[in-house]
Amino acid sequence: MTKALLCLLFCAAAVMAADKSVYDFTLNSIDGQPAPLAAYKGKVVLLVNVASRCGFTPQYTALESTYEKYKSAGLVIVGIPANNFGAQEPGTNQEIKTFCTSKYNVTFR
């Protein structure tokens, strides 16, 4: 794909989403349930791309610590597992959840 075509596609996506905010989107939870981001209106939302087999995986500990420190001020951290960067998140949702809770004491809410 040429750079010009990629740029055109990106611009088209941006224009189409111009009337939307992050709160208009619904993700699936790690358990496969709909998780509308509208539930976080009025809070500080940090969306984080995560992967269990990435060199940055120890970020889970810092993210959980940051959440615990600032949750009373309205912080919400939404981890979004992605396997599209070097196949660093190859497991099932259950495997990802087990890994995160056992190795990094991450709590899924």
N, C-alpha and C. Protein backbone atom coordinates (compact mmCIF):
# COMPACT_ATOMS: atom_id res chain seq x y z
N MET A 1 0.85 -1.17 0.00
CA MET A 1 0.00 0.00 0.00
C MET A 1 0.90 1.24 0.00
N THR A 2 0.60 2.18 -0.85
CA THR A 2 1.43 3.37 -0.94
C THR A 2 1.15 4.30 0.22
N LYS A 3 2.10 5.18 0.49
CA LYS A 3 1.94 6.15 1.58
C LYS A 3 0.75 7.06 1.33
N ALA A 4 0.53 7.45 0.07
CA ALA A 4 -0.58 8.34 -0.25
C ALA A 4 -1.92 7.68 0.05
N LEU A 5 -2.06 6.39 -0.32
CA LEU A 5 -3.29 5.68 -0.07
C LEU A 5 -3.51 5.49 1.43
N LEU A 6 -2.46 5.15 2.13
CA LEU A 6 -2.54 4.99 3.58
C LEU A 6 -2.97 6.30 4.24
N CYS A 7 -2.40 7.40 3.80
CA CYS A 7 -2.75 8.72 4.33
C CYS A 7 -4.21 9.03 4.05
N LEU A 8 -4.67 8.72 2.84
CA LEU A 8 -6.05 8.97 2.46
C LEU A 8 -7.01 8.16 3.33
N LEU A 9 -6.68 6.89 3.57
CA LEU A 9 -7.52 6.05 4.41
C LEU A 9 -7.56 6.57 5.84
N PHE A 10 -6.41 6.99 6.36
CA PHE A 10 -6.35 7.54 7.71
C PHE A 10 -7.20 8.80 7.82
N CYS A 11 -7.09 9.69 6.84
CA CYS A 11 -7.86 10.94 6.84
C CYS A 11 -9.36 10.65 6.75
N ALA A 12 -9.74 9.68 5.94
CA ALA A 12 -11.16 9.32 5.81
C ALA A 12 -11.69 8.78 7.13
N ALA A 13 -10.91 7.96 7.79
CA ALA A 13 -11.34 7.42 9.09
C ALA A 13 -11.49 8.54 10.12
N ALA A 14 -10.57 9.49 10.10
CA ALA A 14 -10.63 10.61 11.04
C ALA A 14 -11.87 11.47 10.80
N VAL A 15 -12.21 11.71 9.55
CA VAL A 15 -13.39 12.51 9.21
C VAL A 15 -14.66 11.77 9.64
N MET A 16 -14.70 10.47 9.38
CA MET A 16 -15.89 9.69 9.74
C MET A 16 -16.09 9.64 11.24
N ALA A 17 -15.02 9.66 12.01
CA ALA A 17 -15.11 9.58 13.46
C ALA A 17 -15.17 10.95 14.12
N ALA A 18 -15.18 12.01 13.33
CA ALA A 18 -15.12 13.37 13.88
C ALA A 18 -16.28 13.68 14.81
N ASP A 19 -17.43 13.10 14.59
CA ASP A 19 -18.59 13.38 15.42
C ASP A 19 -18.67 12.46 16.64
N LYS A 20 -17.70 11.62 16.81
CA LYS A 20 -17.71 10.67 17.91
C LYS A 20 -16.64 11.01 18.94
N SER A 21 -16.87 10.56 20.14
CA SER A 21 -15.85 10.66 21.18
C SER A 21 -15.51 9.24 21.63
N VAL A 22 -14.56 9.11 22.47
CA VAL A 22 -14.16 7.79 22.97
C VAL A 22 -15.33 7.12 23.68
N TYR A 23 -16.22 7.92 24.25
CA TYR A 23 -17.36 7.37 24.99
C TYR A 23 -18.43 6.75 24.09
N ASP A 24 -18.32 6.93 22.78
CA ASP A 24 -19.28 6.35 21.85
C ASP A 24 -18.92 4.92 21.45
N PHE A 25 -17.81 4.42 21.94
CA PHE A 25 -17.35 3.10 21.55
C PHE A 25 -17.56 2.07 22.66
N THR A 26 -17.77 0.85 22.25
CA THR A 26 -17.90 -0.27 23.18
C THR A 26 -16.84 -1.30 22.82
N LEU A 27 -16.10 -1.73 23.80
CA LEU A 27 -15.11 -2.79 23.63
C LEU A 27 -15.68 -4.05 24.25
N ASN A 28 -15.01 -5.15 24.05
CA ASN A 28 -15.37 -6.37 24.76
C ASN A 28 -14.43 -6.52 25.94
N SER A 29 -14.97 -6.93 27.08
CA SER A 29 -14.14 -7.19 28.25
C SER A 29 -13.33 -8.46 28.02
N ILE A 30 -12.40 -8.74 28.90
CA ILE A 30 -11.58 -9.95 28.79
C ILE A 30 -12.47 -11.20 28.88
N ASP A 31 -13.66 -11.04 29.48
CA ASP A 31 -14.60 -12.15 29.60
C ASP A 31 -15.62 -12.17 28.47
N GLY A 32 -15.42 -11.31 27.45
CA GLY A 32 -16.28 -11.31 26.28
C GLY A 32 -17.57 -10.52 26.42
N GLN A 33 -17.73 -9.80 27.51
CA GLN A 33 -18.94 -9.00 27.72
C GLN A 33 -18.76 -7.60 27.15
N PRO A 34 -19.82 -6.98 26.65
CA PRO A 34 -19.71 -5.60 26.16
C PRO A 34 -19.27 -4.67 27.30
N ALA A 35 -18.34 -3.80 26.99
CA ALA A 35 -17.82 -2.84 27.97
C ALA A 35 -17.87 -1.45 27.35
N PRO A 36 -19.03 -0.78 27.45
CA PRO A 36 -19.15 0.55 26.86
C PRO A 36 -18.26 1.56 27.58
N LEU A 37 -17.48 2.29 26.81
CA LEU A 37 -16.61 3.30 27.41
C LEU A 37 -17.42 4.45 28.00
N ALA A 38 -18.69 4.56 27.65
CA ALA A 38 -19.56 5.58 28.22
C ALA A 38 -19.66 5.42 29.74
N ALA A 39 -19.41 4.23 30.24
CA ALA A 39 -19.46 3.99 31.69
C ALA A 39 -18.38 4.79 32.42
N TYR A 40 -17.39 5.29 31.69
CA TYR A 40 -16.28 6.01 32.31
C TYR A 40 -16.38 7.53 32.15
N LYS A 41 -17.53 8.03 31.68
CA LYS A 41 -17.69 9.49 31.54
C LYS A 41 -17.45 10.15 32.88
N GLY A 42 -16.71 11.26 32.85
CA GLY A 42 -16.41 11.98 34.08
C GLY A 42 -15.17 11.48 34.78
N LYS A 43 -14.54 10.45 34.26
CA LYS A 43 -13.32 9.90 34.84
C LYS A 43 -12.14 10.17 33.90
N VAL A 44 -10.97 10.00 34.42
CA VAL A 44 -9.75 10.10 33.61
C VAL A 44 -9.49 8.69 33.10
N VAL A 45 -9.54 8.52 31.77
CA VAL A 45 -9.41 7.20 31.17
C VAL A 45 -8.07 7.08 30.45
N LEU A 46 -7.31 6.07 30.81
CA LEU A 46 -6.05 5.78 30.15
C LEU A 46 -6.21 4.46 29.42
N LEU A 47 -6.17 4.50 28.08
CA LEU A 47 -6.25 3.30 27.26
C LEU A 47 -4.83 2.84 26.96
N VAL A 48 -4.53 1.58 27.28
CA VAL A 48 -3.16 1.07 27.13
C VAL A 48 -3.17 -0.19 26.29
N ASN A 49 -2.38 -0.18 25.21
CA ASN A 49 -2.18 -1.37 24.39
C ASN A 49 -1.19 -2.25 25.15
N VAL A 50 -1.59 -3.48 25.45
CA VAL A 50 -0.76 -4.38 26.24
C VAL A 50 -0.54 -5.70 25.52
N ALA A 51 0.53 -6.39 25.90
CA ALA A 51 0.83 -7.72 25.37
C ALA A 51 1.68 -8.47 26.38
N SER A 52 1.29 -9.69 26.68
CA SER A 52 1.96 -10.49 27.71
C SER A 52 3.39 -10.86 27.40
N ARG A 53 3.73 -10.99 26.13
CA ARG A 53 5.08 -11.42 25.77
C ARG A 53 5.90 -10.28 25.17
N CYS A 54 5.60 -9.08 25.57
CA CYS A 54 6.29 -7.88 25.09
C CYS A 54 7.38 -7.50 26.10
N GLY A 55 8.40 -6.84 25.63
CA GLY A 55 9.46 -6.37 26.52
C GLY A 55 8.96 -5.36 27.55
N PHE A 56 7.80 -4.77 27.29
CA PHE A 56 7.24 -3.79 28.22
C PHE A 56 6.21 -4.42 29.16
N THR A 57 6.06 -5.73 29.15
CA THR A 57 5.05 -6.39 29.97
C THR A 57 5.17 -6.03 31.46
N PRO A 58 6.36 -5.81 32.01
CA PRO A 58 6.41 -5.40 33.42
C PRO A 58 5.66 -4.10 33.72
N GLN A 59 5.17 -3.41 32.66
CA GLN A 59 4.36 -2.22 32.88
C GLN A 59 3.09 -2.54 33.66
N TYR A 60 2.65 -3.80 33.65
CA TYR A 60 1.45 -4.17 34.39
C TYR A 60 1.58 -3.79 35.86
N THR A 61 2.73 -4.02 36.46
CA THR A 61 2.93 -3.70 37.86
C THR A 61 2.79 -2.20 38.10
N ALA A 62 3.42 -1.40 37.26
CA ALA A 62 3.34 0.05 37.40
C ALA A 62 1.93 0.56 37.13
N LEU A 63 1.26 -0.02 36.14
CA LEU A 63 -0.12 0.39 35.84
C LEU A 63 -1.05 0.09 37.00
N GLU A 64 -0.92 -1.09 37.58
CA GLU A 64 -1.77 -1.47 38.71
C GLU A 64 -1.49 -0.55 39.91
N SER A 65 -0.24 -0.25 40.14
CA SER A 65 0.15 0.65 41.23
C SER A 65 -0.40 2.06 41.01
N THR A 66 -0.30 2.54 39.78
CA THR A 66 -0.81 3.87 39.44
C THR A 66 -2.33 3.91 39.63
N TYR A 67 -2.99 2.85 39.20
CA TYR A 67 -4.45 2.79 39.36
C TYR A 67 -4.82 2.84 40.85
N GLU A 68 -4.17 2.02 41.65
CA GLU A 68 -4.47 1.99 43.09
C GLU A 68 -4.24 3.37 43.73
N LYS A 69 -3.21 4.06 43.28
CA LYS A 69 -2.88 5.37 43.86
C LYS A 69 -3.90 6.45 43.48
N TYR A 70 -4.41 6.40 42.24
CA TYR A 70 -5.25 7.49 41.74
C TYR A 70 -6.71 7.12 41.47
N LYS A 71 -7.13 5.91 41.78
CA LYS A 71 -8.51 5.53 41.49
C LYS A 71 -9.50 6.40 42.24
N SER A 72 -9.16 6.85 43.43
CA SER A 72 -10.08 7.71 44.19
C SER A 72 -10.23 9.09 43.54
N ALA A 73 -9.27 9.45 42.67
CA ALA A 73 -9.36 10.72 41.94
C ALA A 73 -10.05 10.53 40.59
N GLY A 74 -10.51 9.30 40.32
CA GLY A 74 -11.27 9.06 39.09
C GLY A 74 -10.50 8.41 37.97
N LEU A 75 -9.29 7.91 38.24
CA LEU A 75 -8.52 7.26 37.17
C LEU A 75 -9.06 5.87 36.87
N VAL A 76 -9.18 5.58 35.59
CA VAL A 76 -9.54 4.25 35.10
C VAL A 76 -8.49 3.87 34.06
N ILE A 77 -7.93 2.67 34.17
CA ILE A 77 -6.97 2.19 33.18
C ILE A 77 -7.61 1.02 32.45
N VAL A 78 -7.69 1.15 31.13
CA VAL A 78 -8.28 0.10 30.30
C VAL A 78 -7.15 -0.52 29.49
N GLY A 79 -6.82 -1.77 29.81
CA GLY A 79 -5.81 -2.50 29.06
C GLY A 79 -6.45 -3.17 27.86
N ILE A 80 -5.84 -2.99 26.70
CA ILE A 80 -6.38 -3.57 25.47
C ILE A 80 -5.33 -4.51 24.89
N PRO A 81 -5.48 -5.83 25.15
CA PRO A 81 -4.51 -6.78 24.61
C PRO A 81 -4.54 -6.79 23.08
N ALA A 82 -3.36 -6.80 22.48
CA ALA A 82 -3.27 -6.80 21.02
C ALA A 82 -2.18 -7.75 20.57
N ASN A 83 -2.49 -8.57 19.59
CA ASN A 83 -1.51 -9.52 19.06
C ASN A 83 -0.99 -9.08 17.70
N ASN A 84 -1.24 -7.86 17.32
CA ASN A 84 -0.86 -7.41 15.97
C ASN A 84 0.48 -6.69 15.92
N PHE A 85 1.28 -6.80 16.95
CA PHE A 85 2.62 -6.22 16.95
C PHE A 85 3.62 -7.32 17.28
N GLY A 86 4.04 -8.04 16.27
CA GLY A 86 5.03 -9.09 16.48
C GLY A 86 4.50 -10.32 17.19
N ALA A 87 3.19 -10.54 17.15
CA ALA A 87 2.57 -11.73 17.77
C ALA A 87 2.98 -11.87 19.24
N GLN A 88 2.91 -10.77 19.98
CA GLN A 88 3.33 -10.77 21.38
C GLN A 88 2.19 -11.04 22.37
N GLU A 89 1.00 -11.31 21.85
CA GLU A 89 -0.14 -11.66 22.69
C GLU A 89 -0.91 -12.80 22.04
N PRO A 90 -0.27 -14.00 21.95
CA PRO A 90 -0.86 -15.09 21.17
C PRO A 90 -1.91 -15.92 21.90
N GLY A 91 -2.12 -15.71 23.18
CA GLY A 91 -3.02 -16.57 23.94
C GLY A 91 -4.48 -16.22 23.80
N THR A 92 -5.32 -17.09 24.38
CA THR A 92 -6.75 -16.83 24.46
C THR A 92 -6.98 -15.78 25.55
N ASN A 93 -8.19 -15.25 25.60
CA ASN A 93 -8.51 -14.29 26.65
C ASN A 93 -8.30 -14.89 28.03
N GLN A 94 -8.70 -16.15 28.22
CA GLN A 94 -8.52 -16.79 29.52
C GLN A 94 -7.04 -16.95 29.86
N GLU A 95 -6.22 -17.31 28.88
CA GLU A 95 -4.78 -17.43 29.12
C GLU A 95 -4.17 -16.07 29.47
N ILE A 96 -4.60 -15.03 28.79
CA ILE A 96 -4.11 -13.68 29.08
C ILE A 96 -4.50 -13.28 30.50
N LYS A 97 -5.74 -13.52 30.86
CA LYS A 97 -6.23 -13.17 32.20
C LYS A 97 -5.46 -13.93 33.28
N THR A 98 -5.27 -15.22 33.07
CA THR A 98 -4.53 -16.04 34.04
C THR A 98 -3.09 -15.54 34.18
N PHE A 99 -2.44 -15.25 33.07
CA PHE A 99 -1.07 -14.75 33.09
C PHE A 99 -0.98 -13.44 33.88
N CYS A 100 -1.87 -12.52 33.57
CA CYS A 100 -1.81 -11.19 34.21
C CYS A 100 -2.10 -11.25 35.70
N THR A 101 -3.06 -12.08 36.10
CA THR A 101 -3.40 -12.16 37.51
C THR A 101 -2.36 -12.93 38.31
N SER A 102 -1.78 -13.97 37.72
CA SER A 102 -0.81 -14.77 38.48
C SER A 102 0.59 -14.16 38.51
N LYS A 103 1.03 -13.58 37.42
CA LYS A 103 2.39 -13.05 37.36
C LYS A 103 2.50 -11.60 37.84
N TYR A 104 1.48 -10.79 37.56
CA TYR A 104 1.56 -9.37 37.87
C TYR A 104 0.48 -8.86 38.82
N ASN A 105 -0.33 -9.77 39.37
CA ASN A 105 -1.36 -9.41 40.34
C ASN A 105 -2.32 -8.35 39.80
N VAL A 106 -2.59 -8.40 38.51
CA VAL A 106 -3.51 -7.46 37.88
C VAL A 106 -4.93 -7.87 38.23
N THR A 107 -5.76 -6.91 38.56
CA THR A 107 -7.15 -7.16 38.86
C THR A 107 -8.01 -6.71 37.70
N PHE A 108 -8.88 -7.58 37.24
CA PHE A 108 -9.80 -7.23 36.15
C PHE A 108 -11.11 -6.78 36.77
N ARG A 109 -11.58 -5.64 36.35
CA ARG A 109 -12.81 -5.07 36.92
C ARG A 109 -13.85 -4.96 35.86
